[in-house]
Amino acid sequence: MEIFGVVDVAAITVVVYLLAMALRITVLPSRWIPIICGICGGMLGAAAFLWMPISGFPADDLLTAVAVGISSGLAATGFDQIGKQIGKKRKG
């Protein structure tokens, strides 16, 4: 995998994380945010595979690209939870 493939995956995670932050201020129940992040990550993974094949996206087919996007989207919710848990330990 080339370095650009890693950057593409990290970009999906960052975009989905920002989307999750925007969703948190809405009236949407929090339980839906990881599902929406996974779906948006999958769509971004497919878009990256279809529109940026030269950059070395780490997928050889569309299904793998969607799976990479979903895992990147769900990683965004994981990063959020890591921050929350560290904050709880410091307060407690």
C-alpha atoms as a PDB file:
ATOM      1  CA  MET A   1       0.000   0.000   0.000  1.00  0.00           C
ATOM      2  CA  GLU A   2       1.325   3.390  -0.920  1.00  0.00           C
ATOM      3  CA  ILE A   3       1.326   6.301   1.483  1.00  0.00           C
ATOM      4  CA  PHE A   4      -1.542   7.943  -0.421  1.00  0.00           C
ATOM      5  CA  GLY A   5      -3.795   4.966   0.341  1.00  0.00           C
ATOM      6  CA  VAL A   6      -3.275   5.534   4.052  1.00  0.00           C
ATOM      7  CA  VAL A   7      -4.057   9.218   3.623  1.00  0.00           C
ATOM      8  CA  ASP A   8      -7.305   8.384   1.790  1.00  0.00           C
ATOM      9  CA  VAL A   9      -8.425   6.108   4.620  1.00  0.00           C
ATOM     10  CA  ALA A  10      -7.499   8.683   7.256  1.00  0.00           C
ATOM     11  CA  ALA A  11      -9.396  11.345   5.304  1.00  0.00           C
ATOM     12  CA  ILE A  12     -12.545   9.198   5.375  1.00  0.00           C
ATOM     13  CA  THR A  13     -12.177   8.859   9.158  1.00  0.00           C
ATOM     14  CA  VAL A  14     -11.756  12.609   9.634  1.00  0.00           C
ATOM     15  CA  VAL A  15     -14.719  13.519   7.405  1.00  0.00           C
ATOM     16  CA  VAL A  16     -16.987  11.020   9.155  1.00  0.00           C
ATOM     17  CA  TYR A  17     -15.792  12.210  12.578  1.00  0.00           C
ATOM     18  CA  LEU A  18     -16.755  15.773  11.690  1.00  0.00           C
ATOM     19  CA  LEU A  19     -20.132  14.522  10.488  1.00  0.00           C
ATOM     20  CA  ALA A  20     -20.616  12.721  13.804  1.00  0.00           C
ATOM     21  CA  MET A  21     -19.803  15.905  15.712  1.00  0.00           C
ATOM     22  CA  ALA A  22     -22.421  17.749  13.660  1.00  0.00           C
ATOM     23  CA  LEU A  23     -24.979  15.004  14.314  1.00  0.00           C
ATOM     24  CA  ARG A  24     -24.409  15.204  18.064  1.00  0.00           C
ATOM     25  CA  ILE A  25     -25.922  18.703  18.205  1.00  0.00           C
ATOM     26  CA  THR A  26     -29.142  17.578  16.516  1.00  0.00           C
ATOM     27  CA  VAL A  27     -32.155  15.936  18.141  1.00  0.00           C
ATOM     28  CA  LEU A  28     -31.120  12.592  16.635  1.00  0.00           C
ATOM     29  CA  PRO A  29     -30.701   9.893  19.320  1.00  0.00           C
ATOM     30  CA  SER A  30     -27.045   9.033  19.937  1.00  0.00           C
ATOM     31  CA  ARG A  31     -27.590   5.342  19.224  1.00  0.00           C
ATOM     32  CA  TRP A  32     -28.005   6.145  15.510  1.00  0.00           C
ATOM     33  CA  ILE A  33     -24.718   7.997  15.110  1.00  0.00           C
ATOM     34  CA  PRO A  34     -22.462   4.894  14.720  1.00  0.00           C
ATOM     35  CA  ILE A  35     -24.835   3.435  12.125  1.00  0.00           C
ATOM     36  CA  ILE A  36     -24.870   6.681  10.147  1.00  0.00           C
ATOM     37  CA  CYS A  37     -21.065   6.896  10.429  1.00  0.00           C
ATOM     38  CA  GLY A  38     -20.695   3.380   9.046  1.00  0.00           C
ATOM     39  CA  ILE A  39     -23.028   4.086   6.140  1.00  0.00           C
ATOM     40  CA  CYS A  40     -21.350   7.391   5.296  1.00  0.00           C
ATOM     41  CA  GLY A  41     -17.918   5.776   5.561  1.00  0.00           C
ATOM     42  CA  GLY A  42     -19.011   3.052   3.144  1.00  0.00           C
ATOM     43  CA  MET A  43     -20.285   5.610   0.664  1.00  0.00           C
ATOM     44  CA  LEU A  44     -17.062   7.620   0.944  1.00  0.00           C
ATOM     45  CA  GLY A  45     -15.014   4.449   0.469  1.00  0.00           C
ATOM     46  CA  ALA A  46     -16.930   3.627  -2.711  1.00  0.00           C
ATOM     47  CA  ALA A  47     -16.540   7.197  -3.946  1.00  0.00           C
ATOM     48  CA  ALA A  48     -12.804   7.142  -3.232  1.00  0.00           C
ATOM     49  CA  PHE A  49     -12.431   3.872  -5.128  1.00  0.00           C
ATOM     50  CA  LEU A  50     -14.409   5.078  -8.137  1.00  0.00           C
ATOM     51  CA  TRP A  51     -13.087   8.624  -8.403  1.00  0.00           C
ATOM     52  CA  MET A  52      -9.524   8.349  -7.118  1.00  0.00           C
ATOM     53  CA  PRO A  53      -8.111   5.058  -8.420  1.00  0.00           C
ATOM     54  CA  ILE A  54      -4.737   6.621  -9.227  1.00  0.00           C
ATOM     55  CA  SER A  55      -3.997   7.508  -5.609  1.00  0.00           C
ATOM     56  CA  GLY A  56      -3.492   3.900  -4.559  1.00  0.00           C
ATOM     57  CA  PHE A  57      -6.648   3.419  -2.516  1.00  0.00           C
ATOM     58  CA  PRO A  58      -6.112   0.181  -0.564  1.00  0.00           C
ATOM     59  CA  ALA A  59      -8.810  -1.813  -2.352  1.00  0.00           C
ATOM     60  CA  ASP A  60      -8.867  -3.823  -5.547  1.00  0.00           C
ATOM     61  CA  ASP A  61     -12.641  -4.011  -5.914  1.00  0.00           C
ATOM     62  CA  LEU A  62     -15.728  -2.038  -4.924  1.00  0.00           C
ATOM     63  CA  LEU A  63     -16.803  -4.388  -2.119  1.00  0.00           C
ATOM     64  CA  THR A  64     -13.427  -4.099  -0.418  1.00  0.00           C
ATOM     65  CA  ALA A  65     -13.521  -0.316  -0.841  1.00  0.00           C
ATOM     66  CA  VAL A  66     -16.929  -0.179   0.859  1.00  0.00           C
ATOM     67  CA  ALA A  67     -15.619  -2.383   3.694  1.00  0.00           C
ATOM     68  CA  VAL A  68     -12.581  -0.118   4.146  1.00  0.00           C
ATOM     69  CA  GLY A  69     -14.897   2.897   4.217  1.00  0.00           C
ATOM     70  CA  ILE A  70     -17.235   1.315   6.767  1.00  0.00           C
ATOM     71  CA  SER A  71     -14.360   0.423   9.069  1.00  0.00           C
ATOM     72  CA  SER A  72     -12.960   3.940   8.704  1.00  0.00           C
ATOM     73  CA  GLY A  73     -16.362   5.424   9.501  1.00  0.00           C
ATOM     74  CA  LEU A  74     -16.758   3.252  12.574  1.00  0.00           C
ATOM     75  CA  ALA A  75     -13.212   4.161  13.632  1.00  0.00           C
ATOM     76  CA  ALA A  76     -14.400   7.757  13.868  1.00  0.00           C
ATOM     77  CA  THR A  77     -16.927   6.790  16.555  1.00  0.00           C
ATOM     78  CA  GLY A  78     -14.204   4.792  18.305  1.00  0.00           C
ATOM     79  CA  PHE A  79     -11.929   7.823  18.463  1.00  0.00           C
ATOM     80  CA  ASP A  80     -14.770   9.806  19.995  1.00  0.00           C
ATOM     81  CA  GLN A  81     -15.358   7.152  22.649  1.00  0.00           C
ATOM     82  CA  ILE A  82     -11.642   6.951  23.488  1.00  0.00           C
ATOM     83  CA  GLY A  83     -11.662  10.690  24.180  1.00  0.00           C
ATOM     84  CA  LYS A  84     -14.749  10.395  26.362  1.00  0.00           C
ATOM     85  CA  GLN A  85     -13.345   7.493  28.394  1.00  0.00           C
ATOM     86  CA  ILE A  86     -10.021   9.253  28.976  1.00  0.00           C
ATOM     87  CA  GLY A  87     -11.958  12.322  30.137  1.00  0.00           C
ATOM     88  CA  LYS A  88     -13.975  10.190  32.578  1.00  0.00           C
ATOM     89  CA  LYS A  89     -10.846   8.615  34.063  1.00  0.00           C
ATOM     90  CA  ARG A  90      -9.228  12.014  34.621  1.00  0.00           C
ATOM     91  CA  LYS A  91     -12.336  13.304  36.422  1.00  0.00           C
ATOM     92  CA  GLY A  92     -12.793  10.130  38.478  1.00  0.00           C
END
